[in-house]
Amino acid sequence: MNAEIEKEIISETIEENGKRKISCAAAFRVASKLNLTVKEIGEFLQTHNIKIVSCQLGCFK
């Protein structure tokens, strides 16, 4: 994943109390926008300690 894509993903996250998070819906939206799989987004977020919140389907744990 290149730096521009990583920057785009990070821009979709919210920082709260020094921790980053992203809603499940936003994760799906950014995956579609960047032509990435949900798995790729999930792996990136996990690697960068970004928590997925409000998960509709239990895809992200």
C-alpha atoms as a PDB file:
ATOM      1  CA  MET A   1       0.000   0.000   0.000  1.00  0.00           C
ATOM      2  CA  ASN A   2       1.477   3.331  -0.977  1.00  0.00           C
ATOM      3  CA  ALA A   3       1.765   6.414   1.230  1.00  0.00           C
ATOM      4  CA  GLU A   4      -1.001   8.287  -0.600  1.00  0.00           C
ATOM      5  CA  ILE A   5      -3.508   5.482   0.029  1.00  0.00           C
ATOM      6  CA  GLU A   6      -2.434   5.246   3.665  1.00  0.00           C
ATOM      7  CA  LYS A   7      -2.903   9.009   4.053  1.00  0.00           C
ATOM      8  CA  GLU A   8      -6.397   8.752   2.547  1.00  0.00           C
ATOM      9  CA  ILE A   9      -7.377   5.968   4.956  1.00  0.00           C
ATOM     10  CA  ILE A  10      -6.044   7.905   7.950  1.00  0.00           C
ATOM     11  CA  SER A  11      -7.988  10.990   6.832  1.00  0.00           C
ATOM     12  CA  GLU A  12     -11.216   8.995   7.251  1.00  0.00           C
ATOM     13  CA  THR A  13     -10.462   8.195  10.894  1.00  0.00           C
ATOM     14  CA  ILE A  14     -11.354  10.200  13.977  1.00  0.00           C
ATOM     15  CA  GLU A  15      -8.967  10.865  16.842  1.00  0.00           C
ATOM     16  CA  GLU A  16     -10.495  10.724  20.291  1.00  0.00           C
ATOM     17  CA  ASN A  17      -8.580  10.666  23.571  1.00  0.00           C
ATOM     18  CA  GLY A  18      -5.327  10.085  21.707  1.00  0.00           C
ATOM     19  CA  LYS A  19      -6.657   7.017  19.866  1.00  0.00           C
ATOM     20  CA  ARG A  20      -7.864   6.690  16.300  1.00  0.00           C
ATOM     21  CA  LYS A  21     -11.119   5.042  15.268  1.00  0.00           C
ATOM     22  CA  ILE A  22     -13.293   4.634  12.192  1.00  0.00           C
ATOM     23  CA  SER A  23     -16.861   3.478  11.783  1.00  0.00           C
ATOM     24  CA  CYS A  24     -17.544   0.249   9.973  1.00  0.00           C
ATOM     25  CA  ALA A  25     -19.540   2.119   7.322  1.00  0.00           C
ATOM     26  CA  ALA A  26     -16.625   4.496   6.726  1.00  0.00           C
ATOM     27  CA  ALA A  27     -14.213   1.549   6.412  1.00  0.00           C
ATOM     28  CA  PHE A  28     -16.427  -0.012   3.731  1.00  0.00           C
ATOM     29  CA  ARG A  29     -16.781   3.354   1.979  1.00  0.00           C
ATOM     30  CA  VAL A  30     -13.034   4.034   1.901  1.00  0.00           C
ATOM     31  CA  ALA A  31     -12.343   0.481   0.692  1.00  0.00           C
ATOM     32  CA  SER A  32     -14.706   1.021  -2.232  1.00  0.00           C
ATOM     33  CA  LYS A  33     -13.356   4.508  -2.955  1.00  0.00           C
ATOM     34  CA  LEU A  34      -9.753   3.281  -3.035  1.00  0.00           C
ATOM     35  CA  ASN A  35     -10.564   0.018  -4.834  1.00  0.00           C
ATOM     36  CA  LEU A  36      -9.299  -2.058  -1.901  1.00  0.00           C
ATOM     37  CA  THR A  37     -10.814  -5.112  -0.293  1.00  0.00           C
ATOM     38  CA  VAL A  38     -12.410  -4.897   3.126  1.00  0.00           C
ATOM     39  CA  LYS A  39      -9.737  -7.333   4.286  1.00  0.00           C
ATOM     40  CA  GLU A  40      -6.964  -4.974   3.140  1.00  0.00           C
ATOM     41  CA  ILE A  41      -8.563  -2.066   4.999  1.00  0.00           C
ATOM     42  CA  GLY A  42      -9.031  -4.218   8.113  1.00  0.00           C
ATOM     43  CA  GLU A  43      -5.405  -5.347   8.067  1.00  0.00           C
ATOM     44  CA  PHE A  44      -4.176  -1.776   7.652  1.00  0.00           C
ATOM     45  CA  LEU A  45      -6.339  -0.549  10.510  1.00  0.00           C
ATOM     46  CA  GLN A  46      -5.246  -3.387  12.775  1.00  0.00           C
ATOM     47  CA  THR A  47      -1.577  -2.794  11.972  1.00  0.00           C
ATOM     48  CA  HIS A  48      -1.982   0.890  12.822  1.00  0.00           C
ATOM     49  CA  ASN A  49      -4.019   0.260  16.003  1.00  0.00           C
ATOM     50  CA  ILE A  50      -7.100   1.989  14.609  1.00  0.00           C
ATOM     51  CA  LYS A  51     -10.275   0.648  16.184  1.00  0.00           C
ATOM     52  CA  ILE A  52     -13.348  -0.076  14.065  1.00  0.00           C
ATOM     53  CA  VAL A  53     -16.550   1.003  15.798  1.00  0.00           C
ATOM     54  CA  SER A  54     -20.254   0.593  15.063  1.00  0.00           C
ATOM     55  CA  CYS A  55     -19.693  -2.588  13.067  1.00  0.00           C
ATOM     56  CA  GLN A  56     -22.905  -3.677  11.394  1.00  0.00           C
ATOM     57  CA  LEU A  57     -22.035  -7.216  10.377  1.00  0.00           C
ATOM     58  CA  GLY A  58     -19.271  -8.314  12.696  1.00  0.00           C
ATOM     59  CA  CYS A  59     -16.758  -8.278   9.829  1.00  0.00           C
ATOM     60  CA  PHE A  60     -14.194  -6.499  11.957  1.00  0.00           C
ATOM     61  CA  LYS A  61     -13.171  -7.716  15.400  1.00  0.00           C
END
